[in-house]
PDB file of N, CA and C in Angstrom:
ATOM      1  N   UNK A   1      44.137  37.946   3.240  1.00  0.00           N
ATOM      2  CA  UNK A   1      42.804  38.354   2.837  1.00  0.00           C
ATOM      3  C   UNK A   1      42.396  39.586   3.655  1.00  0.00           C
ATOM      4  N   UNK A   2      41.854  40.577   2.998  1.00  0.00           N
ATOM      5  CA  UNK A   2      41.486  41.835   3.658  1.00  0.00           C
ATOM      6  C   UNK A   2      40.042  41.889   4.124  1.00  0.00           C
ATOM      7  N   UNK A   3      39.229  40.944   3.657  1.00  0.00           N
ATOM      8  CA  UNK A   3      37.799  40.999   3.973  1.00  0.00           C
ATOM      9  C   UNK A   3      37.308  39.675   4.533  1.00  0.00           C
ATOM     10  N   UNK A   4      36.198  39.751   5.290  1.00  0.00           N
ATOM     11  CA  UNK A   4      35.539  38.557   5.789  1.00  0.00           C
ATOM     12  C   UNK A   4      34.126  38.526   5.231  1.00  0.00           C
ATOM     13  N   UNK A   5      33.490  37.379   5.298  1.00  0.00           N
ATOM     14  CA  UNK A   5      32.116  37.313   4.794  1.00  0.00           C
ATOM     15  C   UNK A   5      31.188  38.003   5.788  1.00  0.00           C
ATOM     16  N   UNK A   6      30.082  38.451   5.289  1.00  0.00           N
ATOM     17  CA  UNK A   6      29.109  39.125   6.145  1.00  0.00           C
ATOM     18  C   UNK A   6      28.595  38.169   7.224  1.00  0.00           C
ATOM     19  N   UNK A   7      28.515  36.888   6.914  1.00  0.00           N
ATOM     20  CA  UNK A   7      28.059  35.897   7.894  1.00  0.00           C
ATOM     21  C   UNK A   7      29.017  35.772   9.075  1.00  0.00           C
ATOM     22  N   UNK A   8      30.298  36.044   8.853  1.00  0.00           N
ATOM     23  CA  UNK A   8      31.293  35.943   9.917  1.00  0.00           C
ATOM     24  C   UNK A   8      31.481  37.249  10.687  1.00  0.00           C
ATOM     25  N   UNK A   9      30.859  38.312  10.231  1.00  0.00           N
ATOM     26  CA  UNK A   9      30.999  39.618  10.856  1.00  0.00           C
ATOM     27  C   UNK A   9      30.118  39.694  12.086  1.00  0.00           C
ATOM     28  N   UNK A  10      30.697  40.034  13.262  1.00  0.00           N
ATOM     29  CA  UNK A  10      29.937  40.004  14.510  1.00  0.00           C
ATOM     30  C   UNK A  10      28.865  41.096  14.603  1.00  0.00           C
ATOM     31  N   UNK A  11      28.963  42.133  13.784  1.00  0.00           N
ATOM     32  CA  UNK A  11      27.956  43.194  13.818  1.00  0.00           C
ATOM     33  C   UNK A  11      27.078  43.183  12.564  1.00  0.00           C
ATOM     34  N   UNK A  12      26.954  42.025  11.950  1.00  0.00           N
ATOM     35  CA  UNK A  12      26.169  41.902  10.716  1.00  0.00           C
ATOM     36  C   UNK A  12      24.680  42.136  10.951  1.00  0.00           C
ATOM     37  N   UNK A  13      24.238  42.051  12.191  1.00  0.00           N
ATOM     38  CA  UNK A  13      22.822  42.271  12.490  1.00  0.00           C
ATOM     39  C   UNK A  13      22.352  43.632  11.993  1.00  0.00           C
ATOM     40  N   UNK A  14      23.267  44.586  11.918  1.00  0.00           N
ATOM     41  CA  UNK A  14      22.918  45.926  11.448  1.00  0.00           C
ATOM     42  C   UNK A  14      22.345  45.855  10.029  1.00  0.00           C
ATOM     43  N   UNK A  15      22.891  44.971   9.227  1.00  0.00           N
ATOM     44  CA  UNK A  15      22.456  44.851   7.838  1.00  0.00           C
ATOM     45  C   UNK A  15      21.244  43.948   7.682  1.00  0.00           C
ATOM     46  N   UNK A  16      20.816  43.330   8.763  1.00  0.00           N
ATOM     47  CA  UNK A  16      19.660  42.432   8.711  1.00  0.00           C
ATOM     48  C   UNK A  16      18.472  42.979   9.507  1.00  0.00           C
ATOM     49  N   UNK A  17      18.611  44.182  10.022  1.00  0.00           N
ATOM     50  CA  UNK A  17      17.551  44.775  10.842  1.00  0.00           C
ATOM     51  C   UNK A  17      16.331  45.052   9.976  1.00  0.00           C
ATOM     52  N   UNK A  18      15.158  44.745  10.499  1.00  0.00           N
ATOM     53  CA  UNK A  18      13.921  44.874   9.712  1.00  0.00           C
ATOM     54  C   UNK A  18      13.589  46.321   9.348  1.00  0.00           C
ATOM     55  N   UNK A  19      14.026  47.287  10.165  1.00  0.00           N
ATOM     56  CA  UNK A  19      13.699  48.684   9.896  1.00  0.00           C
ATOM     57  C   UNK A  19      14.555  49.302   8.795  1.00  0.00           C
ATOM     58  N   UNK A  20      15.663  48.666   8.502  1.00  0.00           N
ATOM     59  CA  UNK A  20      16.554  49.168   7.453  1.00  0.00           C
ATOM     60  C   UNK A  20      16.882  48.001   6.515  1.00  0.00           C
ATOM     61  N   UNK A  21      15.936  47.643   5.648  1.00  0.00           N
ATOM     62  CA  UNK A  21      16.151  46.467   4.806  1.00  0.00           C
ATOM     63  C   UNK A  21      17.292  46.664   3.804  1.00  0.00           C
ATOM     64  N   UNK A  22      18.079  45.602   3.648  1.00  0.00           N
ATOM     65  CA  UNK A  22      19.169  45.571   2.671  1.00  0.00           C
ATOM     66  C   UNK A  22      18.843  44.445   1.699  1.00  0.00           C
ATOM     67  N   UNK A  23      18.820  44.755   0.422  1.00  0.00           N
ATOM     68  CA  UNK A  23      18.490  43.730  -0.572  1.00  0.00           C
ATOM     69  C   UNK A  23      19.572  42.654  -0.591  1.00  0.00           C
ATOM     70  N   UNK A  24      19.225  41.489  -1.114  1.00  0.00           N
ATOM     71  CA  UNK A  24      20.191  40.388  -1.219  1.00  0.00           C
ATOM     72  C   UNK A  24      21.377  40.783  -2.087  1.00  0.00           C
ATOM     73  N   UNK A  25      21.111  41.556  -3.129  1.00  0.00           N
ATOM     74  CA  UNK A  25      22.188  41.993  -4.023  1.00  0.00           C
ATOM     75  C   UNK A  25      23.149  42.909  -3.274  1.00  0.00           C
ATOM     76  N   UNK A  26      22.604  43.865  -2.525  1.00  0.00           N
ATOM     77  CA  UNK A  26      23.461  44.767  -1.744  1.00  0.00           C
ATOM     78  C   UNK A  26      24.215  44.009  -0.657  1.00  0.00           C
ATOM     79  N   UNK A  27      23.527  43.083   0.021  1.00  0.00           N
ATOM     80  CA  UNK A  27      24.173  42.306   1.081  1.00  0.00           C
ATOM     81  C   UNK A  27      25.349  41.498   0.536  1.00  0.00           C
ATOM     82  N   UNK A  28      25.209  40.995  -0.676  1.00  0.00           N
ATOM     83  CA  UNK A  28      26.295  40.225  -1.285  1.00  0.00           C
ATOM     84  C   UNK A  28      27.516  41.098  -1.570  1.00  0.00           C
ATOM     85  N   UNK A  29      27.309  42.390  -1.708  1.00  0.00           N
ATOM     86  CA  UNK A  29      28.407  43.313  -2.005  1.00  0.00           C
ATOM     87  C   UNK A  29      29.019  43.962  -0.762  1.00  0.00           C
ATOM     88  N   UNK A  30      28.451  43.706   0.408  1.00  0.00           N
ATOM     89  CA  UNK A  30      29.007  44.252   1.647  1.00  0.00           C
ATOM     90  C   UNK A  30      30.153  43.358   2.084  1.00  0.00           C
ATOM     91  N   UNK A  31      31.319  43.941   2.217  1.00  0.00           N
ATOM     92  CA  UNK A  31      32.521  43.182   2.556  1.00  0.00           C
ATOM     93  C   UNK A  31      33.221  43.833   3.754  1.00  0.00           C
ATOM     94  N   UNK A  32      32.910  43.364   4.966  1.00  0.00           N
ATOM     95  CA  UNK A  32      33.582  43.920   6.151  1.00  0.00           C
ATOM     96  C   UNK A  32      35.079  43.609   6.121  1.00  0.00           C
ATOM     97  N   UNK A  33      35.869  44.528   6.626  1.00  0.00           N
ATOM     98  CA  UNK A  33      37.325  44.327   6.682  1.00  0.00           C
ATOM     99  C   UNK A  33      37.694  43.427   7.857  1.00  0.00           C
ATOM    100  N   UNK A  34      38.804  42.739   7.710  1.00  0.00           N
ATOM    101  CA  UNK A  34      39.357  42.013   8.843  1.00  0.00           C
ATOM    102  C   UNK A  34      39.839  43.041   9.864  1.00  0.00           C
ATOM    103  N   UNK A  35      40.001  42.624  11.091  1.00  0.00           N
ATOM    104  CA  UNK A  35      40.479  43.539  12.136  1.00  0.00           C
ATOM    105  C   UNK A  35      41.850  44.103  11.789  1.00  0.00           C
ATOM    106  N   UNK A  36      42.687  43.253  11.225  1.00  0.00           N
ATOM    107  CA  UNK A  36      44.038  43.701  10.867  1.00  0.00           C
ATOM    108  C   UNK A  36      43.997  44.766   9.777  1.00  0.00           C
ATOM    109  N   UNK A  37      43.197  44.554   8.767  1.00  0.00           N
ATOM    110  CA  UNK A  37      43.092  45.517   7.669  1.00  0.00           C
ATOM    111  C   UNK A  37      42.487  46.834   8.165  1.00  0.00           C
ATOM    112  N   UNK A  38      41.478  46.730   9.017  1.00  0.00           N
ATOM    113  CA  UNK A  38      40.849  47.934   9.566  1.00  0.00           C
ATOM    114  C   UNK A  38      41.859  48.739  10.382  1.00  0.00           C
ATOM    115  N   UNK A  39      42.713  48.045  11.132  1.00  0.00           N
ATOM    116  CA  UNK A  39      43.728  48.730  11.940  1.00  0.00           C
ATOM    117  C   UNK A  39      44.737  49.449  11.054  1.00  0.00           C
ATOM    118  N   UNK A  40      45.142  48.817   9.962  1.00  0.00           N
ATOM    119  CA  UNK A  40      46.085  49.453   9.034  1.00  0.00           C
ATOM    120  C   UNK A  40      45.442  50.682   8.397  1.00  0.00           C
ATOM    121  N   UNK A  41      44.209  50.541   7.967  1.00  0.00           N
ATOM    122  CA  UNK A  41      43.501  51.665   7.348  1.00  0.00           C
ATOM    123  C   UNK A  41      43.371  52.817   8.339  1.00  0.00           C
ATOM    124  N   UNK A  42      43.008  52.501   9.587  1.00  0.00           N
ATOM    125  CA  UNK A  42      42.854  53.535  10.617  1.00  0.00           C
ATOM    126  C   UNK A  42      44.161  54.294  10.823  1.00  0.00           C
ATOM    127  N   UNK A  43      45.258  53.561  11.037  1.00  0.00           N
ATOM    128  CA  UNK A  43      46.526  54.240  11.326  1.00  0.00           C
ATOM    129  C   UNK A  43      47.045  55.007  10.127  1.00  0.00           C
ATOM    130  N   UNK A  44      46.720  54.540   8.928  1.00  0.00           N
ATOM    131  CA  UNK A  44      47.183  55.208   7.718  1.00  0.00           C
ATOM    132  C   UNK A  44      46.358  56.453   7.391  1.00  0.00           C
ATOM    133  N   UNK A  45      45.052  56.346   7.534  1.00  0.00           N
ATOM    134  CA  UNK A  45      44.168  57.404   7.056  1.00  0.00           C
ATOM    135  C   UNK A  45      43.564  58.293   8.153  1.00  0.00           C
ATOM    136  N   UNK A  46      43.535  57.816   9.402  1.00  0.00           N
ATOM    137  CA  UNK A  46      42.852  58.578  10.445  1.00  0.00           C
ATOM    138  C   UNK A  46      43.820  59.073  11.508  1.00  0.00           C
ATOM    139  N   UNK A  47      44.432  58.155  12.245  1.00  0.00           N
ATOM    140  CA  UNK A  47      45.287  58.598  13.337  1.00  0.00           C
ATOM    141  C   UNK A  47      46.286  57.516  13.733  1.00  0.00           C
ATOM    142  N   UNK A  48      47.525  57.922  13.900  1.00  0.00           N
ATOM    143  CA  UNK A  48      48.539  57.009  14.423  1.00  0.00           C
ATOM    144  C   UNK A  48      48.569  57.068  15.957  1.00  0.00           C
ATOM    145  N   UNK A  49      48.109  58.155  16.519  1.00  0.00           N
ATOM    146  CA  UNK A  49      48.169  58.361  17.964  1.00  0.00           C
ATOM    147  C   UNK A  49      46.991  57.745  18.716  1.00  0.00           C
ATOM    148  N   UNK A  50      45.832  57.728  18.096  1.00  0.00           N
ATOM    149  CA  UNK A  50      44.614  57.280  18.782  1.00  0.00           C
ATOM    150  C   UNK A  50      44.018  56.090  18.045  1.00  0.00           C
ATOM    151  N   UNK A  51      43.674  55.058  18.808  1.00  0.00           N
ATOM    152  CA  UNK A  51      43.150  53.849  18.173  1.00  0.00           C
ATOM    153  C   UNK A  51      41.624  53.740  18.223  1.00  0.00           C
ATOM    154  N   UNK A  52      40.957  54.798  18.667  1.00  0.00           N
ATOM    155  CA  UNK A  52      39.498  54.780  18.730  1.00  0.00           C
ATOM    156  C   UNK A  52      38.982  56.210  18.560  1.00  0.00           C
ATOM    157  N   UNK A  53      37.837  56.362  17.878  1.00  0.00           N
ATOM    158  CA  UNK A  53      37.307  57.718  17.664  1.00  0.00           C
ATOM    159  C   UNK A  53      37.032  58.486  18.946  1.00  0.00           C
ATOM    160  N   UNK A  54      36.742  57.787  20.034  1.00  0.00           N
ATOM    161  CA  UNK A  54      36.462  58.483  21.300  1.00  0.00           C
ATOM    162  C   UNK A  54      37.665  59.264  21.822  1.00  0.00           C
ATOM    163  N   UNK A  55      38.860  58.879  21.390  1.00  0.00           N
ATOM    164  CA  UNK A  55      40.060  59.537  21.878  1.00  0.00           C
ATOM    165  C   UNK A  55      40.511  60.707  20.997  1.00  0.00           C
ATOM    166  N   UNK A  56      39.862  60.891  19.888  1.00  0.00           N
ATOM    167  CA  UNK A  56      40.197  62.012  19.011  1.00  0.00           C
ATOM    168  C   UNK A  56      39.696  63.307  19.630  1.00  0.00           C
ATOM    169  N   UNK A  57      40.380  64.386  19.388  1.00  0.00           N
ATOM    170  CA  UNK A  57      39.941  65.694  19.871  1.00  0.00           C
ATOM    171  C   UNK A  57      38.775  66.139  19.001  1.00  0.00           C
ATOM    172  N   UNK A  58      37.706  66.508  19.649  1.00  0.00           N
ATOM    173  CA  UNK A  58      36.522  66.916  18.904  1.00  0.00           C
ATOM    174  C   UNK A  58      36.720  68.308  18.317  1.00  0.00           C
ATOM    175  N   UNK A  59      36.313  68.486  17.058  1.00  0.00           N
ATOM    176  CA  UNK A  59      36.371  69.827  16.488  1.00  0.00           C
ATOM    177  C   UNK A  59      35.391  70.752  17.209  1.00  0.00           C
ATOM    178  N   UNK A  60      35.595  72.025  17.076  1.00  0.00           N
ATOM    179  CA  UNK A  60      34.776  73.018  17.773  1.00  0.00           C
ATOM    180  C   UNK A  60      33.288  72.812  17.502  1.00  0.00           C
ATOM    181  N   UNK A  61      32.925  72.564  16.267  1.00  0.00           N
ATOM    182  CA  UNK A  61      31.520  72.405  15.919  1.00  0.00           C
ATOM    183  C   UNK A  61      30.898  71.133  16.447  1.00  0.00           C
ATOM    184  N   UNK A  62      31.693  70.130  16.774  1.00  0.00           N
ATOM    185  CA  UNK A  62      31.151  68.858  17.240  1.00  0.00           C
ATOM    186  C   UNK A  62      30.463  68.989  18.589  1.00  0.00           C
ATOM    187  N   UNK A  63      30.821  69.990  19.356  1.00  0.00           N
ATOM    188  CA  UNK A  63      30.192  70.179  20.663  1.00  0.00           C
ATOM    189  C   UNK A  63      28.706  70.470  20.527  1.00  0.00           C
ATOM    190  N   UNK A  64      28.352  71.026  19.401  1.00  0.00           N
ATOM    191  CA  UNK A  64      26.950  71.370  19.166  1.00  0.00           C
ATOM    192  C   UNK A  64      26.278  70.341  18.256  1.00  0.00           C
ATOM    193  N   UNK A  65      26.898  69.174  18.086  1.00  0.00           N
ATOM    194  CA  UNK A  65      26.397  68.193  17.123  1.00  0.00           C
ATOM    195  C   UNK A  65      25.013  67.670  17.484  1.00  0.00           C
ATOM    196  N   UNK A  66      24.703  67.521  18.777  1.00  0.00           N
ATOM    197  CA  UNK A  66      23.379  67.038  19.153  1.00  0.00           C
ATOM    198  C   UNK A  66      22.306  68.024  18.723  1.00  0.00           C
ATOM    199  N   UNK A  67      22.550  69.295  18.932  1.00  0.00           N
ATOM    200  CA  UNK A  67      21.600  70.321  18.524  1.00  0.00           C
ATOM    201  C   UNK A  67      21.456  70.333  17.005  1.00  0.00           C
ATOM    202  N   UNK A  68      22.580  70.254  16.313  1.00  0.00           N
ATOM    203  CA  UNK A  68      22.550  70.236  14.856  1.00  0.00           C
ATOM    204  C   UNK A  68      21.816  69.008  14.348  1.00  0.00           C
ATOM    205  N   UNK A  69      22.065  67.861  14.953  1.00  0.00           N
ATOM    206  CA  UNK A  69      21.398  66.626  14.531  1.00  0.00           C
ATOM    207  C   UNK A  69      19.887  66.754  14.709  1.00  0.00           C
ATOM    208  N   UNK A  70      19.441  67.320  15.822  1.00  0.00           N
ATOM    209  CA  UNK A  70      18.009  67.495  16.048  1.00  0.00           C
ATOM    210  C   UNK A  70      17.392  68.402  14.989  1.00  0.00           C
ATOM    211  N   UNK A  71      18.104  69.468  14.628  1.00  0.00           N
ATOM    212  CA  UNK A  71      17.589  70.384  13.605  1.00  0.00           C
ATOM    213  C   UNK A  71      17.494  69.684  12.262  1.00  0.00           C
ATOM    214  N   UNK A  72      18.537  68.924  11.913  1.00  0.00           N
ATOM    215  CA  UNK A  72      18.533  68.232  10.630  1.00  0.00           C
ATOM    216  C   UNK A  72      17.435  67.180  10.558  1.00  0.00           C
ATOM    217  N   UNK A  73      17.262  66.437  11.629  1.00  0.00           N
ATOM    218  CA  UNK A  73      16.209  65.416  11.655  1.00  0.00           C
ATOM    219  C   UNK A  73      14.839  66.072  11.530  1.00  0.00           C
ATOM    220  N   UNK A  74      14.650  67.200  12.189  1.00  0.00           N
ATOM    221  CA  UNK A  74      13.390  67.925  12.068  1.00  0.00           C
ATOM    222  C   UNK A  74      13.114  68.356  10.637  1.00  0.00           C
ATOM    223  N   UNK A  75      14.137  68.854   9.958  1.00  0.00           N
ATOM    224  CA  UNK A  75      13.972  69.263   8.560  1.00  0.00           C
ATOM    225  C   UNK A  75      13.688  68.057   7.677  1.00  0.00           C
ATOM    226  N   UNK A  76      14.385  66.945   7.943  1.00  0.00           N
ATOM    227  CA  UNK A  76      14.186  65.744   7.132  1.00  0.00           C
ATOM    228  C   UNK A  76      12.779  65.198   7.325  1.00  0.00           C
ATOM    229  N   UNK A  77      12.276  65.235   8.548  1.00  0.00           N
ATOM    230  CA  UNK A  77      10.915  64.775   8.804  1.00  0.00           C
ATOM    231  C   UNK A  77       9.911  65.581   8.001  1.00  0.00           C
ATOM    232  N   UNK A  78      10.115  66.889   7.977  1.00  0.00           N
ATOM    233  CA  UNK A  78       9.190  67.760   7.255  1.00  0.00           C
ATOM    234  C   UNK A  78       9.184  67.515   5.761  1.00  0.00           C
ATOM    235  N   UNK A  79      10.328  67.130   5.210  1.00  0.00           N
ATOM    236  CA  UNK A  79      10.433  66.918   3.771  1.00  0.00           C
ATOM    237  C   UNK A  79      10.143  65.483   3.350  1.00  0.00           C
ATOM    238  N   UNK A  80      10.097  64.558   4.303  1.00  0.00           N
ATOM    239  CA  UNK A  80       9.926  63.143   3.971  1.00  0.00           C
ATOM    240  C   UNK A  80       8.521  62.872   3.463  1.00  0.00           C
ATOM    241  N   UNK A  81       8.446  62.189   2.356  1.00  0.00           N
ATOM    242  CA  UNK A  81       7.154  61.795   1.801  1.00  0.00           C
ATOM    243  C   UNK A  81       6.788  60.381   2.233  1.00  0.00           C
ATOM    244  N   UNK A  82       7.784  59.588   2.619  1.00  0.00           N
ATOM    245  CA  UNK A  82       7.562  58.218   3.038  1.00  0.00           C
ATOM    246  C   UNK A  82       7.181  58.202   4.515  1.00  0.00           C
ATOM    247  N   UNK A  83       5.997  57.680   4.867  1.00  0.00           N
ATOM    248  CA  UNK A  83       5.574  57.680   6.272  1.00  0.00           C
ATOM    249  C   UNK A  83       6.474  56.820   7.164  1.00  0.00           C
ATOM    250  N   UNK A  84       7.138  55.808   6.606  1.00  0.00           N
ATOM    251  CA  UNK A  84       8.043  54.977   7.401  1.00  0.00           C
ATOM    252  C   UNK A  84       9.261  55.775   7.857  1.00  0.00           C
ATOM    253  N   UNK A  85       9.651  56.752   7.083  1.00  0.00           N
ATOM    254  CA  UNK A  85      10.795  57.586   7.451  1.00  0.00           C
ATOM    255  C   UNK A  85      10.490  58.340   8.742  1.00  0.00           C
ATOM    256  N   UNK A  86       9.264  58.788   8.876  1.00  0.00           N
ATOM    257  CA  UNK A  86       8.865  59.521  10.071  1.00  0.00           C
ATOM    258  C   UNK A  86       9.070  58.661  11.316  1.00  0.00           C
ATOM    259  N   UNK A  87       8.797  57.350  11.222  1.00  0.00           N
ATOM    260  CA  UNK A  87       8.900  56.449  12.362  1.00  0.00           C
ATOM    261  C   UNK A  87      10.357  56.202  12.763  1.00  0.00           C
ATOM    262  N   UNK A  88      11.262  56.259  11.825  1.00  0.00           N
ATOM    263  CA  UNK A  88      12.668  55.992  12.122  1.00  0.00           C
ATOM    264  C   UNK A  88      13.250  57.027  13.068  1.00  0.00           C
ATOM    265  N   UNK A  89      12.796  58.254  12.970  1.00  0.00           N
ATOM    266  CA  UNK A  89      13.346  59.331  13.784  1.00  0.00           C
ATOM    267  C   UNK A  89      12.293  59.852  14.716  1.00  0.00           C
TER     268      UNK A  89
END
């Protein structure tokens, strides 16, 4: 089996957080991978040499990612019509 139930997933709290509601229908469709399946997917599609994103070499633009993220969040705040969106960032 490649997937586990959301109830058995140790980080399922992310999908139950009050600030980011997930409908029951969407929650039923969330299927976390087993550790074994995730490892196969990682080595096949991402990296055979590194087993965690922290060990990957950052691209040149990633060094400025914090600055870019702040700019993007600022633009998103300005365009957001939902007042709850403003509180998230």
